[in-house]
Amino acid sequence: NRAWELLCEAKLAFDATLAAGTLDATGRLAAERQLALCESSDWFWWFGDYNPADAVSQFDSLYRRQLSRLYERLGRPAPESLSKPIATGSGSPEHGGVMRRSYAS
C-alpha cells in the first residue's frame, strides 16, 4: 500500500544520505531514531478501512509528519507526496480502534 511505498522511499533517502557521509554522529543518531519511529508497525494497522475516519485521518497525518521529519533530519526536502492523505477509513467508531470487538461466535 501507499504507506509502505512512502516508507521505502524514505529508507532509500536515509541509505543514500548515510552512504554520502553528510551527517555527523549526532545527526546520524537523530535520523536513525526518526527512521525507527517511522518503521513502527502501529502506523500500518491504523490505515485499515475498518477503523473510523477520524482516527485514520489523525494517524495518517501523524505518519506523514514523522516521514517529513525524517527527511528534515537527513537534510533533504520532503517529497510533495507527503502532503497528500494516504487513507480515509470508513469504519464506525464503536467497531474500530485499539479495543475492537471480536464478533466470532
PDB file of N, CA and C in Angstrom:
ATOM      1  N   ASN A   1       0.827  -1.185   0.000  1.00  0.00           N
ATOM      2  CA  ASN A   1       0.000   0.000   0.000  1.00  0.00           C
ATOM      3  C   ASN A   1       0.868   1.244   0.000  1.00  0.00           C
ATOM      4  N   ARG A   2       0.236   2.384  -0.151  1.00  0.00           N
ATOM      5  CA  ARG A   2       0.966   3.648  -0.309  1.00  0.00           C
ATOM      6  C   ARG A   2       1.827   3.985   0.908  1.00  0.00           C
ATOM      7  N   ALA A   3       1.353   3.664   2.095  1.00  0.00           N
ATOM      8  CA  ALA A   3       2.136   3.964   3.299  1.00  0.00           C
ATOM      9  C   ALA A   3       3.476   3.234   3.280  1.00  0.00           C
ATOM     10  N   TRP A   4       3.476   1.983   2.855  1.00  0.00           N
ATOM     11  CA  TRP A   4       4.725   1.213   2.763  1.00  0.00           C
ATOM     12  C   TRP A   4       5.625   1.788   1.676  1.00  0.00           C
ATOM     13  N   GLU A   5       5.042   2.207   0.559  1.00  0.00           N
ATOM     14  CA  GLU A   5       5.845   2.799  -0.517  1.00  0.00           C
ATOM     15  C   GLU A   5       6.541   4.067  -0.033  1.00  0.00           C
ATOM     16  N   LEU A   6       5.816   4.895   0.706  1.00  0.00           N
ATOM     17  CA  LEU A   6       6.411   6.124   1.240  1.00  0.00           C
ATOM     18  C   LEU A   6       7.543   5.806   2.213  1.00  0.00           C
ATOM     19  N   LEU A   7       7.357   4.775   3.024  1.00  0.00           N
ATOM     20  CA  LEU A   7       8.411   4.374   3.948  1.00  0.00           C
ATOM     21  C   LEU A   7       9.633   3.871   3.189  1.00  0.00           C
ATOM     22  N   CYS A   8       9.425   3.078   2.162  1.00  0.00           N
ATOM     23  CA  CYS A   8      10.550   2.564   1.361  1.00  0.00           C
ATOM     24  C   CYS A   8      11.322   3.700   0.699  1.00  0.00           C
ATOM     25  N   GLU A   9      10.591   4.690   0.181  1.00  0.00           N
ATOM     26  CA  GLU A   9      11.246   5.853  -0.425  1.00  0.00           C
ATOM     27  C   GLU A   9      12.083   6.607   0.613  1.00  0.00           C
ATOM     28  N   ALA A  10      11.534   6.755   1.802  1.00  0.00           N
ATOM     29  CA  ALA A  10      12.266   7.440   2.873  1.00  0.00           C
ATOM     30  C   ALA A  10      13.502   6.642   3.284  1.00  0.00           C
ATOM     31  N   LYS A  11      13.373   5.329   3.337  1.00  0.00           N
ATOM     32  CA  LYS A  11      14.525   4.482   3.700  1.00  0.00           C
ATOM     33  C   LYS A  11      15.617   4.575   2.645  1.00  0.00           C
ATOM     34  N   LEU A  12      15.239   4.643   1.376  1.00  0.00           N
ATOM     35  CA  LEU A  12      16.244   4.820   0.319  1.00  0.00           C
ATOM     36  C   LEU A  12      16.969   6.155   0.477  1.00  0.00           C
ATOM     37  N   ALA A  13      16.222   7.202   0.827  1.00  0.00           N
ATOM     38  CA  ALA A  13      16.838   8.510   1.071  1.00  0.00           C
ATOM     39  C   ALA A  13      17.769   8.439   2.281  1.00  0.00           C
ATOM     40  N   PHE A  14      17.352   7.736   3.318  1.00  0.00           N
ATOM     41  CA  PHE A  14      18.180   7.530   4.508  1.00  0.00           C
ATOM     42  C   PHE A  14      19.480   6.826   4.128  1.00  0.00           C
ATOM     43  N   ASP A  15      19.363   5.718   3.400  1.00  0.00           N
ATOM     44  CA  ASP A  15      20.550   4.962   2.999  1.00  0.00           C
ATOM     45  C   ASP A  15      21.499   5.800   2.143  1.00  0.00           C
ATOM     46  N   ALA A  16      20.945   6.573   1.208  1.00  0.00           N
ATOM     47  CA  ALA A  16      21.775   7.404   0.336  1.00  0.00           C
ATOM     48  C   ALA A  16      22.492   8.489   1.131  1.00  0.00           C
ATOM     49  N   THR A  17      21.795   9.070   2.088  1.00  0.00           N
ATOM     50  CA  THR A  17      22.399  10.121   2.912  1.00  0.00           C
ATOM     51  C   THR A  17      23.526   9.549   3.763  1.00  0.00           C
ATOM     52  N   LEU A  18      23.302   8.380   4.360  1.00  0.00           N
ATOM     53  CA  LEU A  18      24.354   7.769   5.157  1.00  0.00           C
ATOM     54  C   LEU A  18      25.548   7.392   4.290  1.00  0.00           C
ATOM     55  N   ALA A  19      25.289   6.878   3.111  1.00  0.00           N
ATOM     56  CA  ALA A  19      26.371   6.497   2.198  1.00  0.00           C
ATOM     57  C   ALA A  19      27.192   7.722   1.767  1.00  0.00           C
ATOM     58  N   ALA A  20      26.533   8.869   1.642  1.00  0.00           N
ATOM     59  CA  ALA A  20      27.218  10.094   1.245  1.00  0.00           C
ATOM     60  C   ALA A  20      28.043  10.688   2.386  1.00  0.00           C
ATOM     61  N   GLY A  21      27.758  10.259   3.615  1.00  0.00           N
ATOM     62  CA  GLY A  21      28.519  10.738   4.765  1.00  0.00           C
ATOM     63  C   GLY A  21      28.297  12.202   5.101  1.00  0.00           C
ATOM     64  N   THR A  22      27.103  12.709   4.819  1.00  0.00           N
ATOM     65  CA  THR A  22      26.831  14.130   5.047  1.00  0.00           C
ATOM     66  C   THR A  22      26.349  14.452   6.458  1.00  0.00           C
ATOM     67  N   LEU A  23      26.076  13.433   7.256  1.00  0.00           N
ATOM     68  CA  LEU A  23      25.612  13.671   8.630  1.00  0.00           C
ATOM     69  C   LEU A  23      26.742  13.425   9.621  1.00  0.00           C
ATOM     70  N   ASP A  24      26.818  14.266  10.641  1.00  0.00           N
ATOM     71  CA  ASP A  24      27.758  13.993  11.722  1.00  0.00           C
ATOM     72  C   ASP A  24      27.136  12.924  12.630  1.00  0.00           C
ATOM     73  N   ALA A  25      27.842  12.527  13.661  1.00  0.00           N
ATOM     74  CA  ALA A  25      27.374  11.445  14.539  1.00  0.00           C
ATOM     75  C   ALA A  25      26.041  11.790  15.193  1.00  0.00           C
ATOM     76  N   THR A  26      25.872  13.021  15.628  1.00  0.00           N
ATOM     77  CA  THR A  26      24.623  13.446  16.255  1.00  0.00           C
ATOM     78  C   THR A  26      23.473  13.423  15.251  1.00  0.00           C
ATOM     79  N   GLY A  27      23.731  13.914  14.062  1.00  0.00           N
ATOM     80  CA  GLY A  27      22.713  13.919  13.013  1.00  0.00           C
ATOM     81  C   GLY A  27      22.333  12.518  12.586  1.00  0.00           C
ATOM     82  N   ARG A  28      23.342  11.645  12.524  1.00  0.00           N
ATOM     83  CA  ARG A  28      23.057  10.257  12.150  1.00  0.00           C
ATOM     84  C   ARG A  28      22.170   9.584  13.200  1.00  0.00           C
ATOM     85  N   LEU A  29      22.496   9.794  14.468  1.00  0.00           N
ATOM     86  CA  LEU A  29      21.694   9.206  15.543  1.00  0.00           C
ATOM     87  C   LEU A  29      20.258   9.729  15.500  1.00  0.00           C
ATOM     88  N   ALA A  30      20.093  11.024  15.284  1.00  0.00           N
ATOM     89  CA  ALA A  30      18.747  11.613  15.195  1.00  0.00           C
ATOM     90  C   ALA A  30      17.976  11.013  14.014  1.00  0.00           C
ATOM     91  N   ALA A  31      18.644  10.826  12.886  1.00  0.00           N
ATOM     92  CA  ALA A  31      17.995  10.238  11.714  1.00  0.00           C
ATOM     93  C   ALA A  31      17.639   8.773  11.965  1.00  0.00           C
ATOM     94  N   GLU A  32      18.524   8.038  12.623  1.00  0.00           N
ATOM     95  CA  GLU A  32      18.239   6.630  12.933  1.00  0.00           C
ATOM     96  C   GLU A  32      17.029   6.508  13.857  1.00  0.00           C
ATOM     97  N   ARG A  33      16.962   7.374  14.849  1.00  0.00           N
ATOM     98  CA  ARG A  33      15.817   7.349  15.771  1.00  0.00           C
ATOM     99  C   ARG A  33      14.524   7.719  15.056  1.00  0.00           C
ATOM    100  N   GLN A  34      14.605   8.702  14.173  1.00  0.00           N
ATOM    101  CA  GLN A  34      13.417   9.110  13.430  1.00  0.00           C
ATOM    102  C   GLN A  34      12.964   7.998  12.495  1.00  0.00           C
ATOM    103  N   LEU A  35      13.897   7.318  11.852  1.00  0.00           N
ATOM    104  CA  LEU A  35      13.545   6.196  10.988  1.00  0.00           C
ATOM    105  C   LEU A  35      12.858   5.101  11.805  1.00  0.00           C
ATOM    106  N   ALA A  36      13.362   4.835  12.992  1.00  0.00           N
ATOM    107  CA  ALA A  36      12.735   3.815  13.846  1.00  0.00           C
ATOM    108  C   ALA A  36      11.290   4.191  14.177  1.00  0.00           C
ATOM    109  N   LEU A  37      11.029   5.462  14.414  1.00  0.00           N
ATOM    110  CA  LEU A  37       9.645   5.907  14.656  1.00  0.00           C
ATOM    111  C   LEU A  37       8.773   5.646  13.429  1.00  0.00           C
ATOM    112  N   CYS A  38       9.316   5.905  12.269  1.00  0.00           N
ATOM    113  CA  CYS A  38       8.552   5.712  11.029  1.00  0.00           C
ATOM    114  C   CYS A  38       8.294   4.234  10.746  1.00  0.00           C
ATOM    115  N   GLU A  39       9.168   3.379  11.197  1.00  0.00           N
ATOM    116  CA  GLU A  39       9.046   1.947  10.908  1.00  0.00           C
ATOM    117  C   GLU A  39       8.142   1.200  11.896  1.00  0.00           C
ATOM    118  N   SER A  40       7.631   1.872  12.882  1.00  0.00           N
ATOM    119  CA  SER A  40       6.759   1.226  13.857  1.00  0.00           C
ATOM    120  C   SER A  40       5.559   0.591  13.165  1.00  0.00           C
ATOM    121  N   SER A  41       5.280  -0.639  13.494  1.00  0.00           N
ATOM    122  CA  SER A  41       4.177  -1.358  12.839  1.00  0.00           C
ATOM    123  C   SER A  41       2.812  -0.781  13.195  1.00  0.00           C
ATOM    124  N   ASP A  42       2.709  -0.055  14.286  1.00  0.00           N
ATOM    125  CA  ASP A  42       1.424   0.521  14.680  1.00  0.00           C
ATOM    126  C   ASP A  42       0.846   1.442  13.622  1.00  0.00           C
ATOM    127  N   TRP A  43       1.710   2.148  12.896  1.00  0.00           N
ATOM    128  CA  TRP A  43       1.201   3.050  11.862  1.00  0.00           C
ATOM    129  C   TRP A  43       0.320   2.303  10.880  1.00  0.00           C
ATOM    130  N   PHE A  44       0.765   1.170  10.441  1.00  0.00           N
ATOM    131  CA  PHE A  44       0.117   0.468   9.338  1.00  0.00           C
ATOM    132  C   PHE A  44      -1.209  -0.169   9.753  1.00  0.00           C
ATOM    133  N   TRP A  45      -1.343  -0.524  11.006  1.00  0.00           N
ATOM    134  CA  TRP A  45      -2.606  -1.072  11.487  1.00  0.00           C
ATOM    135  C   TRP A  45      -3.715  -0.041  11.375  1.00  0.00           C
ATOM    136  N   TRP A  46      -3.401   1.220  11.655  1.00  0.00           N
ATOM    137  CA  TRP A  46      -4.420   2.265  11.672  1.00  0.00           C
ATOM    138  C   TRP A  46      -4.964   2.598  10.294  1.00  0.00           C
ATOM    139  N   PHE A  47      -4.279   2.223   9.235  1.00  0.00           N
ATOM    140  CA  PHE A  47      -4.744   2.551   7.897  1.00  0.00           C
ATOM    141  C   PHE A  47      -5.858   1.634   7.408  1.00  0.00           C
ATOM    142  N   GLY A  48      -6.252   0.645   8.182  1.00  0.00           N
ATOM    143  CA  GLY A  48      -7.318  -0.266   7.772  1.00  0.00           C
ATOM    144  C   GLY A  48      -8.660   0.436   7.619  1.00  0.00           C
ATOM    145  N   ASP A  49      -9.407   0.045   6.595  1.00  0.00           N
ATOM    146  CA  ASP A  49     -10.722   0.643   6.350  1.00  0.00           C
ATOM    147  C   ASP A  49     -11.711   0.389   7.482  1.00  0.00           C
ATOM    148  N   TYR A  50     -11.434  -0.594   8.326  1.00  0.00           N
ATOM    149  CA  TYR A  50     -12.333  -0.923   9.430  1.00  0.00           C
ATOM    150  C   TYR A  50     -12.236   0.085  10.564  1.00  0.00           C
ATOM    151  N   ASN A  51     -11.238   0.959  10.523  1.00  0.00           N
ATOM    152  CA  ASN A  51     -11.091   1.979  11.560  1.00  0.00           C
ATOM    153  C   ASN A  51     -11.885   3.228  11.203  1.00  0.00           C
ATOM    154  N   PRO A  52     -12.336   3.969  12.215  1.00  0.00           N
ATOM    155  CA  PRO A  52     -13.121   5.179  11.972  1.00  0.00           C
ATOM    156  C   PRO A  52     -12.326   6.249  11.222  1.00  0.00           C
ATOM    157  N   ALA A  53     -13.021   7.005  10.394  1.00  0.00           N
ATOM    158  CA  ALA A  53     -12.381   8.021   9.555  1.00  0.00           C
ATOM    159  C   ALA A  53     -11.577   9.028  10.380  1.00  0.00           C
ATOM    160  N   ASP A  54     -12.096   9.473  11.520  1.00  0.00           N
ATOM    161  CA  ASP A  54     -11.365  10.453  12.340  1.00  0.00           C
ATOM    162  C   ASP A  54     -10.033   9.907  12.817  1.00  0.00           C
ATOM    163  N   ALA A  55     -10.026   8.664  13.286  1.00  0.00           N
ATOM    164  CA  ALA A  55      -8.787   8.056  13.768  1.00  0.00           C
ATOM    165  C   ALA A  55      -7.805   7.854  12.628  1.00  0.00           C
ATOM    166  N   VAL A  56      -8.289   7.367  11.501  1.00  0.00           N
ATOM    167  CA  VAL A  56      -7.418   7.148  10.345  1.00  0.00           C
ATOM    168  C   VAL A  56      -6.811   8.475   9.896  1.00  0.00           C
ATOM    169  N   SER A  57      -7.613   9.504   9.833  1.00  0.00           N
ATOM    170  CA  SER A  57      -7.134  10.823   9.414  1.00  0.00           C
ATOM    171  C   SER A  57      -6.033  11.333  10.339  1.00  0.00           C
ATOM    172  N   GLN A  58      -6.227  11.175  11.648  1.00  0.00           N
ATOM    173  CA  GLN A  58      -5.222  11.637  12.605  1.00  0.00           C
ATOM    174  C   GLN A  58      -3.924  10.850  12.480  1.00  0.00           C
ATOM    175  N   PHE A  59      -4.026   9.534  12.377  1.00  0.00           N
ATOM    176  CA  PHE A  59      -2.813   8.727  12.267  1.00  0.00           C
ATOM    177  C   PHE A  59      -2.147   8.912  10.912  1.00  0.00           C
ATOM    178  N   ASP A  60      -2.933   9.114   9.879  1.00  0.00           N
ATOM    179  CA  ASP A  60      -2.392   9.400   8.553  1.00  0.00           C
ATOM    180  C   ASP A  60      -1.533  10.661   8.619  1.00  0.00           C
ATOM    181  N   SER A  61      -2.086  11.713   9.193  1.00  0.00           N
ATOM    182  CA  SER A  61      -1.371  12.977   9.312  1.00  0.00           C
ATOM    183  C   SER A  61      -0.101  12.829  10.146  1.00  0.00           C
ATOM    184  N   LEU A  62      -0.199  12.128  11.270  1.00  0.00           N
ATOM    185  CA  LEU A  62       0.972  11.918  12.130  1.00  0.00           C
ATOM    186  C   LEU A  62       2.061  11.115  11.420  1.00  0.00           C
ATOM    187  N   TYR A  63       1.657  10.083  10.702  1.00  0.00           N
ATOM    188  CA  TYR A  63       2.622   9.248   9.978  1.00  0.00           C
ATOM    189  C   TYR A  63       3.372  10.070   8.925  1.00  0.00           C
ATOM    190  N   ARG A  64       2.624  10.830   8.154  1.00  0.00           N
ATOM    191  CA  ARG A  64       3.262  11.648   7.124  1.00  0.00           C
ATOM    192  C   ARG A  64       4.158  12.716   7.744  1.00  0.00           C
ATOM    193  N   ARG A  65       3.767  13.244   8.898  1.00  0.00           N
ATOM    194  CA  ARG A  65       4.604  14.217   9.602  1.00  0.00           C
ATOM    195  C   ARG A  65       5.907  13.572  10.076  1.00  0.00           C
ATOM    196  N   GLN A  66       5.826  12.340  10.576  1.00  0.00           N
ATOM    197  CA  GLN A  66       7.044  11.639  11.011  1.00  0.00           C
ATOM    198  C   GLN A  66       7.989  11.398   9.832  1.00  0.00           C
ATOM    199  N   LEU A  67       7.429  11.011   8.685  1.00  0.00           N
ATOM    200  CA  LEU A  67       8.270  10.823   7.495  1.00  0.00           C
ATOM    201  C   LEU A  67       8.905  12.145   7.066  1.00  0.00           C
ATOM    202  N   SER A  68       8.146  13.228   7.127  1.00  0.00           N
ATOM    203  CA  SER A  68       8.689  14.545   6.779  1.00  0.00           C
ATOM    204  C   SER A  68       9.831  14.929   7.703  1.00  0.00           C
ATOM    205  N   ARG A  69       9.688  14.606   8.977  1.00  0.00           N
ATOM    206  CA  ARG A  69      10.765  14.902   9.941  1.00  0.00           C
ATOM    207  C   ARG A  69      12.022  14.097   9.625  1.00  0.00           C
ATOM    208  N   LEU A  70      11.829  12.883   9.135  1.00  0.00           N
ATOM    209  CA  LEU A  70      12.998  12.093   8.736  1.00  0.00           C
ATOM    210  C   LEU A  70      13.748  12.804   7.613  1.00  0.00           C
ATOM    211  N   TYR A  71      13.033  13.252   6.608  1.00  0.00           N
ATOM    212  CA  TYR A  71      13.685  13.983   5.511  1.00  0.00           C
ATOM    213  C   TYR A  71      14.401  15.223   6.040  1.00  0.00           C
ATOM    214  N   GLU A  72      13.783  15.942   6.976  1.00  0.00           N
ATOM    215  CA  GLU A  72      14.427  17.114   7.580  1.00  0.00           C
ATOM    216  C   GLU A  72      15.740  16.722   8.243  1.00  0.00           C
ATOM    217  N   ARG A  73      15.715  15.631   9.006  1.00  0.00           N
ATOM    218  CA  ARG A  73      16.919  15.182   9.707  1.00  0.00           C
ATOM    219  C   ARG A  73      17.997  14.727   8.725  1.00  0.00           C
ATOM    220  N   LEU A  74      17.576  14.329   7.550  1.00  0.00           N
ATOM    221  CA  LEU A  74      18.532  13.920   6.516  1.00  0.00           C
ATOM    222  C   LEU A  74      19.047  15.118   5.715  1.00  0.00           C
ATOM    223  N   GLY A  75      18.466  16.290   5.960  1.00  0.00           N
ATOM    224  CA  GLY A  75      18.855  17.476   5.209  1.00  0.00           C
ATOM    225  C   GLY A  75      18.311  17.475   3.788  1.00  0.00           C
ATOM    226  N   ARG A  76      17.188  16.798   3.600  1.00  0.00           N
ATOM    227  CA  ARG A  76      16.562  16.693   2.283  1.00  0.00           C
ATOM    228  C   ARG A  76      15.156  17.269   2.336  1.00  0.00           C
ATOM    229  N   PRO A  77      14.680  17.771   1.216  1.00  0.00           N
ATOM    230  CA  PRO A  77      13.279  18.228   1.195  1.00  0.00           C
ATOM    231  C   PRO A  77      12.336  17.030   1.206  1.00  0.00           C
ATOM    232  N   ALA A  78      11.242  17.175   1.903  1.00  0.00           N
ATOM    233  CA  ALA A  78      10.228  16.110   1.919  1.00  0.00           C
ATOM    234  C   ALA A  78       9.526  16.107   0.560  1.00  0.00           C
ATOM    235  N   PRO A  79       9.247  14.934   0.024  1.00  0.00           N
ATOM    236  CA  PRO A  79       8.550  14.886  -1.262  1.00  0.00           C
ATOM    237  C   PRO A  79       7.124  15.430  -1.163  1.00  0.00           C
ATOM    238  N   GLU A  80       6.643  15.960  -2.258  1.00  0.00           N
ATOM    239  CA  GLU A  80       5.288  16.512  -2.328  1.00  0.00           C
ATOM    240  C   GLU A  80       4.242  15.465  -1.951  1.00  0.00           C
ATOM    241  N   SER A  81       4.527  14.211  -2.223  1.00  0.00           N
ATOM    242  CA  SER A  81       3.568  13.134  -1.937  1.00  0.00           C
ATOM    243  C   SER A  81       3.205  13.058  -0.457  1.00  0.00           C
ATOM    244  N   LEU A  82       4.065  13.563   0.417  1.00  0.00           N
ATOM    245  CA  LEU A  82       3.764  13.530   1.859  1.00  0.00           C
ATOM    246  C   LEU A  82       2.725  14.567   2.263  1.00  0.00           C
ATOM    247  N   SER A  83       2.345  15.441   1.353  1.00  0.00           N
ATOM    248  CA  SER A  83       1.303  16.410   1.674  1.00  0.00           C
ATOM    249  C   SER A  83      -0.085  15.877   1.338  1.00  0.00           C
ATOM    250  N   LYS A  84      -0.139  14.674   0.767  1.00  0.00           N
ATOM    251  CA  LYS A  84      -1.424  14.091   0.350  1.00  0.00           C
ATOM    252  C   LYS A  84      -1.810  12.939   1.265  1.00  0.00           C
ATOM    253  N   PRO A  85      -3.069  12.898   1.728  1.00  0.00           N
ATOM    254  CA  PRO A  85      -3.521  11.798   2.591  1.00  0.00           C
ATOM    255  C   PRO A  85      -3.318  10.432   1.937  1.00  0.00           C
ATOM    256  N   ILE A  86      -3.084   9.431   2.775  1.00  0.00           N
ATOM    257  CA  ILE A  86      -2.869   8.059   2.323  1.00  0.00           C
ATOM    258  C   ILE A  86      -4.174   7.271   2.375  1.00  0.00           C
ATOM    259  N   ALA A  87      -4.912   7.424   3.462  1.00  0.00           N
ATOM    260  CA  ALA A  87      -6.107   6.608   3.694  1.00  0.00           C
ATOM    261  C   ALA A  87      -7.210   7.462   4.302  1.00  0.00           C
ATOM    262  N   THR A  88      -8.428   6.939   4.255  1.00  0.00           N
ATOM    263  CA  THR A  88      -9.550   7.680   4.821  1.00  0.00           C
ATOM    264  C   THR A  88     -10.264   6.930   5.935  1.00  0.00           C
ATOM    265  N   GLY A  89     -10.363   5.633   5.846  1.00  0.00           N
ATOM    266  CA  GLY A  89     -11.099   4.859   6.845  1.00  0.00           C
ATOM    267  C   GLY A  89     -12.589   5.013   6.651  1.00  0.00           C
ATOM    268  N   SER A  90     -13.315   3.965   6.958  1.00  0.00           N
ATOM    269  CA  SER A  90     -14.768   4.036   6.800  1.00  0.00           C
ATOM    270  C   SER A  90     -15.492   3.258   7.886  1.00  0.00           C
ATOM    271  N   GLY A  91     -14.755   2.767   8.857  1.00  0.00           N
ATOM    272  CA  GLY A  91     -15.378   2.007   9.939  1.00  0.00           C
ATOM    273  C   GLY A  91     -16.116   2.910  10.904  1.00  0.00           C
ATOM    274  N   SER A  92     -16.982   2.319  11.671  1.00  0.00           N
ATOM    275  CA  SER A  92     -17.702   3.093  12.679  1.00  0.00           C
ATOM    276  C   SER A  92     -16.897   3.100  13.974  1.00  0.00           C
ATOM    277  N   PRO A  93     -16.981   4.181  14.744  1.00  0.00           N
ATOM    278  CA  PRO A  93     -16.179   4.294  15.961  1.00  0.00           C
ATOM    279  C   PRO A  93     -16.347   3.127  16.928  1.00  0.00           C
ATOM    280  N   GLU A  94     -17.535   2.599  17.043  1.00  0.00           N
ATOM    281  CA  GLU A  94     -17.741   1.505  18.002  1.00  0.00           C
ATOM    282  C   GLU A  94     -17.106   0.192  17.540  1.00  0.00           C
ATOM    283  N   HIS A  95     -16.751   0.091  16.257  1.00  0.00           N
ATOM    284  CA  HIS A  95     -16.135  -1.138  15.754  1.00  0.00           C
ATOM    285  C   HIS A  95     -14.660  -0.977  15.425  1.00  0.00           C
ATOM    286  N   GLY A  96     -14.102   0.192  15.600  1.00  0.00           N
ATOM    287  CA  GLY A  96     -12.707   0.436  15.278  1.00  0.00           C
ATOM    288  C   GLY A  96     -11.882   0.694  16.515  1.00  0.00           C
ATOM    289  N   GLY A  97     -10.630   1.014  16.303  1.00  0.00           N
ATOM    290  CA  GLY A  97      -9.755   1.385  17.404  1.00  0.00           C
ATOM    291  C   GLY A  97      -9.069   0.217  18.061  1.00  0.00           C
ATOM    292  N   VAL A  98      -8.339   0.513  19.097  1.00  0.00           N
ATOM    293  CA  VAL A  98      -7.499  -0.463  19.774  1.00  0.00           C
ATOM    294  C   VAL A  98      -8.293  -1.605  20.382  1.00  0.00           C
ATOM    295  N   MET A  99      -9.437  -1.314  20.947  1.00  0.00           N
ATOM    296  CA  MET A  99     -10.217  -2.335  21.647  1.00  0.00           C
ATOM    297  C   MET A  99     -11.357  -2.868  20.776  1.00  0.00           C
ATOM    298  N   ARG A 100     -11.083  -3.069  19.525  1.00  0.00           N
ATOM    299  CA  ARG A 100     -12.107  -3.549  18.598  1.00  0.00           C
ATOM    300  C   ARG A 100     -12.655  -4.890  19.053  1.00  0.00           C
ATOM    301  N   ARG A 101     -13.968  -5.019  19.013  1.00  0.00           N
ATOM    302  CA  ARG A 101     -14.626  -6.254  19.434  1.00  0.00           C
ATOM    303  C   ARG A 101     -14.469  -7.344  18.398  1.00  0.00           C
ATOM    304  N   SER A 102     -14.404  -8.544  18.880  1.00  0.00           N
ATOM    305  CA  SER A 102     -14.426  -9.709  18.005  1.00  0.00           C
ATOM    306  C   SER A 102     -15.869 -10.170  17.910  1.00  0.00           C
ATOM    307  N   TYR A 103     -16.317 -10.475  16.715  1.00  0.00           N
ATOM    308  CA  TYR A 103     -17.692 -10.908  16.514  1.00  0.00           C
ATOM    309  C   TYR A 103     -17.787 -12.403  16.244  1.00  0.00           C
ATOM    310  N   ALA A 104     -16.768 -13.130  16.645  1.00  0.00           N
ATOM    311  CA  ALA A 104     -16.788 -14.588  16.491  1.00  0.00           C
ATOM    312  C   ALA A 104     -17.796 -15.191  17.460  1.00  0.00           C
ATOM    313  N   SER A 105     -18.482 -16.211  17.007  1.00  0.00           N
ATOM    314  CA  SER A 105     -19.493 -16.858  17.853  1.00  0.00           C
ATOM    315  C   SER A 105     -18.859 -17.807  18.828  1.00  0.00           C
TER     316      SER A 105
END
